[in-house]
Amino acid sequence: MFVVTVDESTCIGCGECAKACPAQILEMQENLAKVVGDDCMGCQSCTLVCPVEAIKVEEY
């Protein structure tokens, strides 16, 4: 199981992570990325496209 966290103080609201996530567990809310699901596949697509490294994927 993988857990995704978004550092809201770092997130710039570009939306690239939400577009890149094949599991669709990220979405934009109030101009910030939010985790809205718990079926992370651990692919790290979101971390690779985030220009400010605001997203972490950790194995739980």
Protein backbone atom coordinates (compact mmCIF):
# COMPACT_ATOMS: atom_id res chain seq x y z
CA MET A 1 0.00 0.00 0.00
CA PHE A 2 1.23 3.48 -0.87
CA VAL A 3 0.35 6.77 0.78
CA VAL A 4 0.42 10.09 -1.07
CA THR A 5 0.88 13.38 0.76
CA VAL A 6 0.84 16.90 -0.60
CA ASP A 7 2.74 19.70 1.11
CA GLU A 8 0.17 22.46 0.74
CA SER A 9 2.67 25.13 1.75
CA THR A 10 4.83 24.15 -1.26
CA CYS A 11 2.14 23.30 -3.84
CA ILE A 12 1.76 25.97 -6.53
CA GLY A 13 -1.51 24.58 -7.93
CA CYS A 14 -0.25 23.76 -11.42
CA GLY A 15 -2.40 20.60 -11.63
CA GLU A 16 0.24 18.48 -13.33
CA CYS A 17 0.07 15.81 -10.63
CA ALA A 18 -3.68 15.38 -11.02
CA LYS A 19 -3.29 15.03 -14.78
CA ALA A 20 -0.46 12.50 -14.42
CA CYS A 21 -2.07 10.22 -11.82
CA PRO A 22 -3.35 7.03 -13.51
CA ALA A 23 -5.28 6.07 -10.35
CA GLN A 24 -6.99 9.51 -10.27
CA ILE A 25 -6.47 9.95 -6.54
CA LEU A 26 -5.37 13.57 -6.87
CA GLU A 27 -7.56 16.48 -7.84
CA MET A 28 -7.39 20.22 -7.70
CA GLN A 29 -9.43 21.92 -4.98
CA GLU A 30 -9.14 25.61 -4.15
CA ASN A 31 -6.07 25.86 -6.44
CA LEU A 32 -4.15 23.16 -4.54
CA ALA A 33 -3.62 19.46 -5.14
CA LYS A 34 -5.61 17.28 -2.76
CA VAL A 35 -5.54 13.53 -2.19
CA VAL A 36 -9.08 12.26 -2.77
CA GLY A 37 -8.51 8.52 -2.92
CA ASP A 38 -6.45 5.77 -1.38
CA ASP A 39 -5.73 3.45 -4.29
CA CYS A 40 -2.23 4.76 -5.06
CA MET A 41 -0.36 2.37 -7.35
CA GLY A 42 3.06 3.64 -6.26
CA CYS A 43 4.04 4.66 -9.80
CA GLN A 44 5.30 8.08 -8.61
CA SER A 45 4.03 9.82 -11.76
CA CYS A 46 2.82 12.68 -9.60
CA THR A 47 6.21 13.18 -7.98
CA LEU A 48 8.00 13.13 -11.32
CA VAL A 49 5.90 15.95 -12.82
CA CYS A 50 5.69 18.19 -9.74
CA PRO A 51 7.96 21.19 -10.41
CA VAL A 52 8.29 22.07 -6.71
CA GLU A 53 8.53 18.57 -5.18
CA ALA A 54 5.39 19.10 -3.10
CA ILE A 55 4.24 15.47 -3.37
CA LYS A 56 5.58 12.41 -1.60
CA VAL A 57 4.67 8.78 -2.20
CA GLU A 58 5.62 6.43 0.59
CA GLU A 59 5.07 2.72 1.05
CA TYR A 60 3.00 2.04 4.13
